[in-house]
């Protein structure tokens, strides 16, 4: 598949997901290599950044259950607007973040 076509499809899917928010408060930021970033500016909103991973969007496009997952992401984004500062897809694994910060402890024998 052509890279340009993939980027267009990913961008279209990202726009569909973010489309549940008011277009007046959402602005797309310059493209990154591996993520699509949106800035959110609303006085009553806590959410400031939406970050969608291109690889994850590509997998979502090819997933047989993709339509259901996309609807879930839209609802999740709407719920997150008032409670989170940053929305990421896919979410960072909390245990992975902790394991990178902490060094392994050797068991006492």
PDB file of N, CA and C in Angstrom:
ATOM      1  N   UNK A   1       0.846  -1.181   0.000  1.00  0.00           N
ATOM      2  CA  UNK A   1       0.000   0.000   0.000  1.00  0.00           C
ATOM      3  C   UNK A   1       0.886   1.237   0.000  1.00  0.00           C
ATOM      4  N   UNK A   2       0.497   2.234  -0.736  1.00  0.00           N
ATOM      5  CA  UNK A   2       1.247   3.482  -0.847  1.00  0.00           C
ATOM      6  C   UNK A   2       1.225   4.238   0.483  1.00  0.00           C
ATOM      7  N   UNK A   3       2.350   4.825   0.846  1.00  0.00           N
ATOM      8  CA  UNK A   3       2.472   5.549   2.118  1.00  0.00           C
ATOM      9  C   UNK A   3       1.500   6.720   2.179  1.00  0.00           C
ATOM     10  N   UNK A   4       1.338   7.444   1.075  1.00  0.00           N
ATOM     11  CA  UNK A   4       0.438   8.593   1.041  1.00  0.00           C
ATOM     12  C   UNK A   4      -1.000   8.153   1.279  1.00  0.00           C
ATOM     13  N   UNK A   5      -1.391   7.048   0.685  1.00  0.00           N
ATOM     14  CA  UNK A   5      -2.749   6.551   0.870  1.00  0.00           C
ATOM     15  C   UNK A   5      -2.957   6.160   2.324  1.00  0.00           C
ATOM     16  N   UNK A   6      -1.982   5.495   2.931  1.00  0.00           N
ATOM     17  CA  UNK A   6      -2.107   5.110   4.330  1.00  0.00           C
ATOM     18  C   UNK A   6      -2.243   6.334   5.216  1.00  0.00           C
ATOM     19  N   UNK A   7      -1.418   7.349   4.982  1.00  0.00           N
ATOM     20  CA  UNK A   7      -1.491   8.560   5.811  1.00  0.00           C
ATOM     21  C   UNK A   7      -2.838   9.245   5.657  1.00  0.00           C
ATOM     22  N   UNK A   8      -3.386   9.237   4.442  1.00  0.00           N
ATOM     23  CA  UNK A   8      -4.691   9.836   4.215  1.00  0.00           C
ATOM     24  C   UNK A   8      -5.768   9.066   4.951  1.00  0.00           C
ATOM     25  N   UNK A   9      -5.721   7.739   4.883  1.00  0.00           N
ATOM     26  CA  UNK A   9      -6.700   6.912   5.581  1.00  0.00           C
ATOM     27  C   UNK A   9      -6.604   7.108   7.090  1.00  0.00           C
ATOM     28  N   UNK A  10      -5.396   7.144   7.612  1.00  0.00           N
ATOM     29  CA  UNK A  10      -5.194   7.345   9.048  1.00  0.00           C
ATOM     30  C   UNK A  10      -5.718   8.710   9.468  1.00  0.00           C
ATOM     31  N   UNK A  11      -5.424   9.730   8.683  1.00  0.00           N
ATOM     32  CA  UNK A  11      -5.875  11.083   8.998  1.00  0.00           C
ATOM     33  C   UNK A  11      -7.399  11.167   8.940  1.00  0.00           C
ATOM     34  N   UNK A  12      -8.001  10.482   7.992  1.00  0.00           N
ATOM     35  CA  UNK A  12      -9.451  10.475   7.873  1.00  0.00           C
ATOM     36  C   UNK A  12     -10.090   9.792   9.086  1.00  0.00           C
ATOM     37  N   UNK A  13      -9.511   8.678   9.520  1.00  0.00           N
ATOM     38  CA  UNK A  13     -10.016   7.978  10.690  1.00  0.00           C
ATOM     39  C   UNK A  13      -9.846   8.834  11.945  1.00  0.00           C
ATOM     40  N   UNK A  14      -8.694   9.480  12.080  1.00  0.00           N
ATOM     41  CA  UNK A  14      -8.454  10.354  13.230  1.00  0.00           C
ATOM     42  C   UNK A  14      -9.476  11.493  13.246  1.00  0.00           C
ATOM     43  N   UNK A  15      -9.748  12.074  12.087  1.00  0.00           N
ATOM     44  CA  UNK A  15     -10.731  13.161  12.004  1.00  0.00           C
ATOM     45  C   UNK A  15     -12.129  12.663  12.376  1.00  0.00           C
ATOM     46  N   UNK A  16     -12.445  11.419  12.013  1.00  0.00           N
ATOM     47  CA  UNK A  16     -13.745  10.851  12.375  1.00  0.00           C
ATOM     48  C   UNK A  16     -13.859  10.684  13.891  1.00  0.00           C
ATOM     49  N   UNK A  17     -12.806  10.203  14.521  1.00  0.00           N
ATOM     50  CA  UNK A  17     -12.820   9.997  15.968  1.00  0.00           C
ATOM     51  C   UNK A  17     -12.930  11.333  16.698  1.00  0.00           C
ATOM     52  N   UNK A  18     -12.135  12.294  16.296  1.00  0.00           N
ATOM     53  CA  UNK A  18     -12.108  13.612  16.957  1.00  0.00           C
ATOM     54  C   UNK A  18     -13.341  14.433  16.578  1.00  0.00           C
ATOM     55  N   UNK A  19     -14.040  14.027  15.534  1.00  0.00           N
ATOM     56  CA  UNK A  19     -15.222  14.739  15.063  1.00  0.00           C
ATOM     57  C   UNK A  19     -16.369  14.793  16.057  1.00  0.00           C
ATOM     58  N   UNK A  20     -16.298  13.997  17.116  1.00  0.00           N
ATOM     59  CA  UNK A  20     -17.359  14.047  18.130  1.00  0.00           C
ATOM     60  C   UNK A  20     -17.262  15.317  18.973  1.00  0.00           C
ATOM     61  N   UNK A  21     -16.120  15.980  18.931  1.00  0.00           N
ATOM     62  CA  UNK A  21     -15.937  17.239  19.665  1.00  0.00           C
ATOM     63  C   UNK A  21     -16.303  18.416  18.772  1.00  0.00           C
ATOM     64  N   UNK A  22     -16.569  19.549  19.387  1.00  0.00           N
ATOM     65  CA  UNK A  22     -16.889  20.769  18.652  1.00  0.00           C
ATOM     66  C   UNK A  22     -15.701  21.170  17.790  1.00  0.00           C
ATOM     67  N   UNK A  23     -15.887  21.326  16.485  1.00  0.00           N
ATOM     68  CA  UNK A  23     -14.762  21.681  15.606  1.00  0.00           C
ATOM     69  C   UNK A  23     -14.112  23.021  15.947  1.00  0.00           C
ATOM     70  N   UNK A  24     -14.813  23.880  16.657  1.00  0.00           N
ATOM     71  CA  UNK A  24     -14.260  25.183  17.017  1.00  0.00           C
ATOM     72  C   UNK A  24     -13.172  25.075  18.073  1.00  0.00           C
ATOM     73  N   UNK A  25     -13.145  23.985  18.837  1.00  0.00           N
ATOM     74  CA  UNK A  25     -12.155  23.859  19.906  1.00  0.00           C
ATOM     75  C   UNK A  25     -11.018  22.906  19.566  1.00  0.00           C
ATOM     76  N   UNK A  26     -11.123  22.188  18.439  1.00  0.00           N
ATOM     77  CA  UNK A  26     -10.109  21.199  18.067  1.00  0.00           C
ATOM     78  C   UNK A  26      -9.336  21.701  16.851  1.00  0.00           C
ATOM     79  N   UNK A  27      -7.998  21.616  16.960  1.00  0.00           N
ATOM     80  CA  UNK A  27      -7.135  22.047  15.857  1.00  0.00           C
ATOM     81  C   UNK A  27      -6.050  20.997  15.655  1.00  0.00           C
ATOM     82  N   UNK A  28      -5.862  20.584  14.414  1.00  0.00           N
ATOM     83  CA  UNK A  28      -4.828  19.594  14.125  1.00  0.00           C
ATOM     84  C   UNK A  28      -3.467  20.286  14.141  1.00  0.00           C
ATOM     85  N   UNK A  29      -2.492  19.610  14.720  1.00  0.00           N
ATOM     86  CA  UNK A  29      -1.124  20.121  14.783  1.00  0.00           C
ATOM     87  C   UNK A  29      -0.318  19.511  13.638  1.00  0.00           C
ATOM     88  N   UNK A  30       0.856  20.058  13.338  1.00  0.00           N
ATOM     89  CA  UNK A  30       1.669  19.498  12.255  1.00  0.00           C
ATOM     90  C   UNK A  30       1.919  18.003  12.448  1.00  0.00           C
ATOM     91  N   UNK A  31       1.883  17.287  11.318  1.00  0.00           N
ATOM     92  CA  UNK A  31       2.048  15.835  11.354  1.00  0.00           C
ATOM     93  C   UNK A  31       3.392  15.418  11.913  1.00  0.00           C
ATOM     94  N   UNK A  32       3.346  14.405  12.753  1.00  0.00           N
ATOM     95  CA  UNK A  32       4.552  13.751  13.218  1.00  0.00           C
ATOM     96  C   UNK A  32       4.719  12.468  12.417  1.00  0.00           C
ATOM     97  N   UNK A  33       5.833  11.817  12.574  1.00  0.00           N
ATOM     98  CA  UNK A  33       6.069  10.591  11.833  1.00  0.00           C
ATOM     99  C   UNK A  33       5.172   9.455  12.295  1.00  0.00           C
ATOM    100  N   UNK A  34       4.972   9.345  13.590  1.00  0.00           N
ATOM    101  CA  UNK A  34       4.241   8.182  14.079  1.00  0.00           C
ATOM    102  C   UNK A  34       2.986   8.534  14.871  1.00  0.00           C
ATOM    103  N   UNK A  35       2.552   9.783  14.857  1.00  0.00           N
ATOM    104  CA  UNK A  35       1.350  10.148  15.601  1.00  0.00           C
ATOM    105  C   UNK A  35       0.646  11.335  14.942  1.00  0.00           C
ATOM    106  N   UNK A  36      -0.651  11.389  15.154  1.00  0.00           N
ATOM    107  CA  UNK A  36      -1.460  12.537  14.735  1.00  0.00           C
ATOM    108  C   UNK A  36      -1.855  13.246  16.020  1.00  0.00           C
ATOM    109  N   UNK A  37      -1.544  14.523  16.105  1.00  0.00           N
ATOM    110  CA  UNK A  37      -1.760  15.293  17.327  1.00  0.00           C
ATOM    111  C   UNK A  37      -2.779  16.398  17.065  1.00  0.00           C
ATOM    112  N   UNK A  38      -3.693  16.559  18.036  1.00  0.00           N
ATOM    113  CA  UNK A  38      -4.678  17.635  18.004  1.00  0.00           C
ATOM    114  C   UNK A  38      -4.525  18.470  19.262  1.00  0.00           C
ATOM    115  N   UNK A  39      -4.691  19.766  19.119  1.00  0.00           N
ATOM    116  CA  UNK A  39      -4.719  20.679  20.264  1.00  0.00           C
ATOM    117  C   UNK A  39      -6.175  21.017  20.539  1.00  0.00           C
ATOM    118  N   UNK A  40      -6.551  21.023  21.811  1.00  0.00           N
ATOM    119  CA  UNK A  40      -7.925  21.315  22.211  1.00  0.00           C
ATOM    120  C   UNK A  40      -7.900  22.598  23.028  1.00  0.00           C
ATOM    121  N   UNK A  41      -8.706  23.554  22.614  1.00  0.00           N
ATOM    122  CA  UNK A  41      -8.758  24.838  23.306  1.00  0.00           C
ATOM    123  C   UNK A  41     -10.191  25.184  23.635  1.00  0.00           C
ATOM    124  N   UNK A  42     -10.567  24.954  24.859  1.00  0.00           N
ATOM    125  CA  UNK A  42     -11.903  25.298  25.318  1.00  0.00           C
ATOM    126  C   UNK A  42     -11.830  25.691  26.781  1.00  0.00           C
ATOM    127  N   UNK A  43     -12.450  26.785  27.140  1.00  0.00           N
ATOM    128  CA  UNK A  43     -12.361  27.273  28.520  1.00  0.00           C
ATOM    129  C   UNK A  43     -12.983  26.303  29.513  1.00  0.00           C
ATOM    130  N   UNK A  44     -14.029  25.619  29.114  1.00  0.00           N
ATOM    131  CA  UNK A  44     -14.704  24.712  30.036  1.00  0.00           C
ATOM    132  C   UNK A  44     -14.166  23.278  29.960  1.00  0.00           C
ATOM    133  N   UNK A  45     -13.151  23.046  29.107  1.00  0.00           N
ATOM    134  CA  UNK A  45     -12.611  21.703  28.926  1.00  0.00           C
ATOM    135  C   UNK A  45     -11.264  21.557  29.619  1.00  0.00           C
ATOM    136  N   UNK A  46     -11.059  20.419  30.257  1.00  0.00           N
ATOM    137  CA  UNK A  46      -9.763  20.130  30.854  1.00  0.00           C
ATOM    138  C   UNK A  46      -8.805  19.561  29.805  1.00  0.00           C
ATOM    139  N   UNK A  47      -9.357  18.852  28.826  1.00  0.00           N
ATOM    140  CA  UNK A  47      -8.552  18.205  27.781  1.00  0.00           C
ATOM    141  C   UNK A  47      -7.804  19.248  26.953  1.00  0.00           C
ATOM    142  N   UNK A  48      -6.518  19.028  26.743  1.00  0.00           N
ATOM    143  CA  UNK A  48      -5.687  19.941  25.964  1.00  0.00           C
ATOM    144  C   UNK A  48      -5.030  19.293  24.752  1.00  0.00           C
ATOM    145  N   UNK A  49      -4.807  17.970  24.808  1.00  0.00           N
ATOM    146  CA  UNK A  49      -4.096  17.297  23.724  1.00  0.00           C
ATOM    147  C   UNK A  49      -4.749  15.955  23.425  1.00  0.00           C
ATOM    148  N   UNK A  50      -4.854  15.648  22.137  1.00  0.00           N
ATOM    149  CA  UNK A  50      -5.285  14.331  21.682  1.00  0.00           C
ATOM    150  C   UNK A  50      -4.156  13.790  20.829  1.00  0.00           C
ATOM    151  N   UNK A  51      -3.690  12.600  21.148  1.00  0.00           N
ATOM    152  CA  UNK A  51      -2.562  11.990  20.456  1.00  0.00           C
ATOM    153  C   UNK A  51      -2.974  10.603  19.982  1.00  0.00           C
ATOM    154  N   UNK A  52      -3.013  10.404  18.656  1.00  0.00           N
ATOM    155  CA  UNK A  52      -3.435   9.138  18.074  1.00  0.00           C
ATOM    156  C   UNK A  52      -2.268   8.522  17.312  1.00  0.00           C
ATOM    157  N   UNK A  53      -1.871   7.330  17.703  1.00  0.00           N
ATOM    158  CA  UNK A  53      -0.745   6.632  17.096  1.00  0.00           C
ATOM    159  C   UNK A  53      -1.126   6.123  15.705  1.00  0.00           C
ATOM    160  N   UNK A  54      -0.301   6.428  14.709  1.00  0.00           N
ATOM    161  CA  UNK A  54      -0.594   6.029  13.325  1.00  0.00           C
ATOM    162  C   UNK A  54      -0.649   4.508  13.148  1.00  0.00           C
ATOM    163  N   UNK A  55       0.269   3.778  13.775  1.00  0.00           N
ATOM    164  CA  UNK A  55       0.272   2.323  13.655  1.00  0.00           C
ATOM    165  C   UNK A  55      -1.009   1.733  14.238  1.00  0.00           C
ATOM    166  N   UNK A  56      -1.444   2.255  15.368  1.00  0.00           N
ATOM    167  CA  UNK A  56      -2.669   1.767  15.997  1.00  0.00           C
ATOM    168  C   UNK A  56      -3.887   2.082  15.126  1.00  0.00           C
ATOM    169  N   UNK A  57      -3.913   3.257  14.506  1.00  0.00           N
ATOM    170  CA  UNK A  57      -5.012   3.607  13.610  1.00  0.00           C
ATOM    171  C   UNK A  57      -5.020   2.689  12.392  1.00  0.00           C
ATOM    172  N   UNK A  58      -3.852   2.376  11.869  1.00  0.00           N
ATOM    173  CA  UNK A  58      -3.745   1.483  10.717  1.00  0.00           C
ATOM    174  C   UNK A  58      -4.276   0.092  11.066  1.00  0.00           C
ATOM    175  N   UNK A  59      -3.921  -0.403  12.256  1.00  0.00           N
ATOM    176  CA  UNK A  59      -4.441  -1.704  12.699  1.00  0.00           C
ATOM    177  C   UNK A  59      -5.952  -1.642  12.862  1.00  0.00           C
ATOM    178  N   UNK A  60      -6.448  -0.520  13.352  1.00  0.00           N
ATOM    179  CA  UNK A  60      -7.877  -0.341  13.549  1.00  0.00           C
ATOM    180  C   UNK A  60      -8.623  -0.345  12.213  1.00  0.00           C
ATOM    181  N   UNK A  61      -8.021   0.225  11.189  1.00  0.00           N
ATOM    182  CA  UNK A  61      -8.631   0.238   9.858  1.00  0.00           C
ATOM    183  C   UNK A  61      -8.782  -1.172   9.299  1.00  0.00           C
ATOM    184  N   UNK A  62      -7.851  -2.042   9.611  1.00  0.00           N
ATOM    185  CA  UNK A  62      -7.867  -3.404   9.072  1.00  0.00           C
ATOM    186  C   UNK A  62      -8.553  -4.406   9.997  1.00  0.00           C
ATOM    187  N   UNK A  63      -8.989  -3.979  11.161  1.00  0.00           N
ATOM    188  CA  UNK A  63      -9.610  -4.866  12.145  1.00  0.00           C
ATOM    189  C   UNK A  63     -11.052  -5.165  11.736  1.00  0.00           C
ATOM    190  N   UNK A  64     -11.452  -6.452  11.753  1.00  0.00           N
ATOM    191  CA  UNK A  64     -12.841  -6.788  11.426  1.00  0.00           C
ATOM    192  C   UNK A  64     -13.849  -6.151  12.386  1.00  0.00           C
ATOM    193  N   UNK A  65     -13.455  -5.929  13.629  1.00  0.00           N
ATOM    194  CA  UNK A  65     -14.321  -5.285  14.623  1.00  0.00           C
ATOM    195  C   UNK A  65     -14.021  -3.798  14.734  1.00  0.00           C
ATOM    196  N   UNK A  66     -13.406  -3.228  13.732  1.00  0.00           N
ATOM    197  CA  UNK A  66     -12.975  -1.836  13.777  1.00  0.00           C
ATOM    198  C   UNK A  66     -14.095  -0.847  14.017  1.00  0.00           C
ATOM    199  N   UNK A  67     -15.257  -1.058  13.399  1.00  0.00           N
ATOM    200  CA  UNK A  67     -16.367  -0.114  13.549  1.00  0.00           C
ATOM    201  C   UNK A  67     -16.816  -0.013  15.011  1.00  0.00           C
ATOM    202  N   UNK A  68     -16.868  -1.142  15.687  1.00  0.00           N
ATOM    203  CA  UNK A  68     -17.262  -1.152  17.097  1.00  0.00           C
ATOM    204  C   UNK A  68     -16.212  -0.438  17.940  1.00  0.00           C
ATOM    205  N   UNK A  69     -14.947  -0.708  17.664  1.00  0.00           N
ATOM    206  CA  UNK A  69     -13.863  -0.089  18.422  1.00  0.00           C
ATOM    207  C   UNK A  69     -13.818   1.421  18.196  1.00  0.00           C
ATOM    208  N   UNK A  70     -14.102   1.856  16.983  1.00  0.00           N
ATOM    209  CA  UNK A  70     -14.126   3.292  16.673  1.00  0.00           C
ATOM    210  C   UNK A  70     -15.241   3.977  17.457  1.00  0.00           C
ATOM    211  N   UNK A  71     -16.413   3.353  17.510  1.00  0.00           N
ATOM    212  CA  UNK A  71     -17.513   3.920  18.292  1.00  0.00           C
ATOM    213  C   UNK A  71     -17.135   4.004  19.769  1.00  0.00           C
ATOM    214  N   UNK A  72     -16.454   2.986  20.278  1.00  0.00           N
ATOM    215  CA  UNK A  72     -15.992   3.013  21.666  1.00  0.00           C
ATOM    216  C   UNK A  72     -15.015   4.168  21.886  1.00  0.00           C
ATOM    217  N   UNK A  73     -14.071   4.360  20.954  1.00  0.00           N
ATOM    218  CA  UNK A  73     -13.103   5.456  21.091  1.00  0.00           C
ATOM    219  C   UNK A  73     -13.800   6.811  21.113  1.00  0.00           C
ATOM    220  N   UNK A  74     -14.815   6.984  20.301  1.00  0.00           N
ATOM    221  CA  UNK A  74     -15.559   8.245  20.286  1.00  0.00           C
ATOM    222  C   UNK A  74     -16.216   8.499  21.640  1.00  0.00           C
ATOM    223  N   UNK A  75     -16.869   7.479  22.187  1.00  0.00           N
ATOM    224  CA  UNK A  75     -17.510   7.639  23.502  1.00  0.00           C
ATOM    225  C   UNK A  75     -16.473   7.891  24.591  1.00  0.00           C
ATOM    226  N   UNK A  76     -15.349   7.176  24.517  1.00  0.00           N
ATOM    227  CA  UNK A  76     -14.290   7.351  25.502  1.00  0.00           C
ATOM    228  C   UNK A  76     -13.710   8.763  25.443  1.00  0.00           C
ATOM    229  N   UNK A  77     -13.539   9.290  24.243  1.00  0.00           N
ATOM    230  CA  UNK A  77     -13.037  10.657  24.086  1.00  0.00           C
ATOM    231  C   UNK A  77     -14.016  11.665  24.688  1.00  0.00           C
ATOM    232  N   UNK A  78     -15.292  11.494  24.436  1.00  0.00           N
ATOM    233  CA  UNK A  78     -16.290  12.400  25.006  1.00  0.00           C
ATOM    234  C   UNK A  78     -16.281  12.357  26.536  1.00  0.00           C
ATOM    235  N   UNK A  79     -16.116  11.161  27.113  1.00  0.00           N
ATOM    236  CA  UNK A  79     -16.061  11.046  28.577  1.00  0.00           C
ATOM    237  C   UNK A  79     -14.800  11.684  29.138  1.00  0.00           C
ATOM    238  N   UNK A  80     -13.721  11.678  28.371  1.00  0.00           N
ATOM    239  CA  UNK A  80     -12.424  12.161  28.852  1.00  0.00           C
ATOM    240  C   UNK A  80     -12.271  13.671  28.814  1.00  0.00           C
ATOM    241  N   UNK A  81     -13.114  14.347  28.099  1.00  0.00           N
ATOM    242  CA  UNK A  81     -12.968  15.795  27.882  1.00  0.00           C
ATOM    243  C   UNK A  81     -12.900  16.576  29.186  1.00  0.00           C
ATOM    244  N   UNK A  82     -13.697  16.206  30.157  1.00  0.00           N
ATOM    245  CA  UNK A  82     -13.755  16.973  31.405  1.00  0.00           C
ATOM    246  C   UNK A  82     -12.828  16.447  32.491  1.00  0.00           C
ATOM    247  N   UNK A  83     -12.198  15.285  32.260  1.00  0.00           N
ATOM    248  CA  UNK A  83     -11.444  14.648  33.337  1.00  0.00           C
ATOM    249  C   UNK A  83      -9.952  14.488  33.074  1.00  0.00           C
ATOM    250  N   UNK A  84      -9.542  14.508  31.840  1.00  0.00           N
ATOM    251  CA  UNK A  84      -8.132  14.243  31.532  1.00  0.00           C
ATOM    252  C   UNK A  84      -7.530  15.404  30.752  1.00  0.00           C
ATOM    253  N   UNK A  85      -6.225  15.596  30.902  1.00  0.00           N
ATOM    254  CA  UNK A  85      -5.513  16.656  30.194  1.00  0.00           C
ATOM    255  C   UNK A  85      -5.076  16.169  28.814  1.00  0.00           C
ATOM    256  N   UNK A  86      -4.744  14.871  28.726  1.00  0.00           N
ATOM    257  CA  UNK A  86      -4.280  14.307  27.458  1.00  0.00           C
ATOM    258  C   UNK A  86      -5.017  13.014  27.171  1.00  0.00           C
ATOM    259  N   UNK A  87      -5.469  12.863  25.938  1.00  0.00           N
ATOM    260  CA  UNK A  87      -6.105  11.622  25.508  1.00  0.00           C
ATOM    261  C   UNK A  87      -5.168  10.954  24.517  1.00  0.00           C
ATOM    262  N   UNK A  88      -4.825   9.686  24.772  1.00  0.00           N
ATOM    263  CA  UNK A  88      -3.936   8.929  23.889  1.00  0.00           C
ATOM    264  C   UNK A  88      -4.623   7.661  23.424  1.00  0.00           C
ATOM    265  N   UNK A  89      -4.373   7.344  22.165  1.00  0.00           N
ATOM    266  CA  UNK A  89      -4.768   6.042  21.651  1.00  0.00           C
ATOM    267  C   UNK A  89      -3.570   5.454  20.947  1.00  0.00           C
ATOM    268  N   UNK A  90      -3.145   4.289  21.347  1.00  0.00           N
ATOM    269  CA  UNK A  90      -3.604   3.519  22.495  1.00  0.00           C
ATOM    270  C   UNK A  90      -3.062   4.121  23.789  1.00  0.00           C
ATOM    271  N   UNK A  91      -3.747   3.808  24.868  1.00  0.00           N
ATOM    272  CA  UNK A  91      -3.308   4.314  26.173  1.00  0.00           C
ATOM    273  C   UNK A  91      -1.984   3.683  26.563  1.00  0.00           C
ATOM    274  N   UNK A  92      -1.212   4.432  27.320  1.00  0.00           N
ATOM    275  CA  UNK A  92       0.036   3.886  27.834  1.00  0.00           C
ATOM    276  C   UNK A  92      -0.286   2.884  28.925  1.00  0.00           C
ATOM    277  N   UNK A  93       0.423   1.805  28.936  1.00  0.00           N
ATOM    278  CA  UNK A  93       0.243   0.778  29.949  1.00  0.00           C
ATOM    279  C   UNK A  93       0.882   1.258  31.244  1.00  0.00           C
ATOM    280  N   UNK A  94       0.097   1.364  32.304  1.00  0.00           N
ATOM    281  CA  UNK A  94       0.601   1.892  33.579  1.00  0.00           C
ATOM    282  C   UNK A  94       1.713   1.018  34.135  1.00  0.00           C
ATOM    283  N   UNK A  95       1.588  -0.293  34.019  1.00  0.00           N
ATOM    284  CA  UNK A  95       2.627  -1.170  34.561  1.00  0.00           C
ATOM    285  C   UNK A  95       3.918  -1.054  33.761  1.00  0.00           C
ATOM    286  N   UNK A  96       3.817  -0.823  32.459  1.00  0.00           N
ATOM    287  CA  UNK A  96       5.011  -0.650  31.647  1.00  0.00           C
ATOM    288  C   UNK A  96       5.742   0.625  32.045  1.00  0.00           C
ATOM    289  N   UNK A  97       4.996   1.692  32.311  1.00  0.00           N
ATOM    290  CA  UNK A  97       5.611   2.948  32.728  1.00  0.00           C
ATOM    291  C   UNK A  97       6.330   2.817  34.057  1.00  0.00           C
ATOM    292  N   UNK A  98       5.744   2.080  34.982  1.00  0.00           N
ATOM    293  CA  UNK A  98       6.373   1.879  36.281  1.00  0.00           C
ATOM    294  C   UNK A  98       7.601   0.995  36.166  1.00  0.00           C
ATOM    295  N   UNK A  99       7.539  -0.022  35.331  1.00  0.00           N
ATOM    296  CA  UNK A  99       8.672  -0.943  35.228  1.00  0.00           C
ATOM    297  C   UNK A  99       9.882  -0.260  34.600  1.00  0.00           C
ATOM    298  N   UNK A 100       9.648   0.725  33.738  1.00  0.00           N
ATOM    299  CA  UNK A 100      10.768   1.448  33.131  1.00  0.00           C
ATOM    300  C   UNK A 100      11.436   2.365  34.144  1.00  0.00           C
ATOM    301  N   UNK A 101      10.652   2.876  35.106  1.00  0.00           N
ATOM    302  CA  UNK A 101      11.195   3.797  36.099  1.00  0.00           C
ATOM    303  C   UNK A 101      11.953   3.058  37.201  1.00  0.00           C
ATOM    304  N   UNK A 102      11.486   1.885  37.567  1.00  0.00           N
ATOM    305  CA  UNK A 102      12.067   1.143  38.680  1.00  0.00           C
ATOM    306  C   UNK A 102      13.052   0.120  38.150  1.00  0.00           C
ATOM    307  N   UNK A 103      14.087  -0.069  38.897  1.00  0.00           N
ATOM    308  CA  UNK A 103      15.049  -1.105  38.540  1.00  0.00           C
ATOM    309  C   UNK A 103      14.614  -2.402  39.180  1.00  0.00           C
ATOM    310  N   UNK A 104      14.902  -3.545  38.529  1.00  0.00           N
ATOM    311  CA  UNK A 104      14.474  -4.825  39.090  1.00  0.00           C
ATOM    312  C   UNK A 104      15.154  -5.105  40.418  1.00  0.00           C
ATOM    313  N   UNK A 105      14.408  -5.693  41.331  1.00  0.00           N
ATOM    314  CA  UNK A 105      14.912  -6.048  42.648  1.00  0.00           C
ATOM    315  C   UNK A 105      15.219  -7.544  42.636  1.00  0.00           C
ATOM    316  N   UNK A 106      16.413  -7.883  43.061  1.00  0.00           N
ATOM    317  CA  UNK A 106      16.779  -9.296  43.104  1.00  0.00           C
ATOM    318  C   UNK A 106      16.176  -9.927  44.343  1.00  0.00           C
ATOM    319  N   UNK A 107      15.667 -11.139  44.164  1.00  0.00           N
ATOM    320  CA  UNK A 107      15.053 -11.852  45.279  1.00  0.00           C
ATOM    321  C   UNK A 107      16.146 -12.390  46.212  1.00  0.00           C
ATOM    322  N   UNK A 108      15.874 -12.295  47.510  1.00  0.00           N
ATOM    323  CA  UNK A 108      16.816 -12.825  48.494  1.00  0.00           C
ATOM    324  C   UNK A 108      16.704 -14.347  48.537  1.00  0.00           C
ATOM    325  N   UNK A 109      17.799 -15.023  48.503  1.00  0.00           N
ATOM    326  CA  UNK A 109      17.770 -16.492  48.499  1.00  0.00           C
ATOM    327  C   UNK A 109      18.108 -17.027  49.857  1.00  0.00           C
TER     328      UNK A 109
END
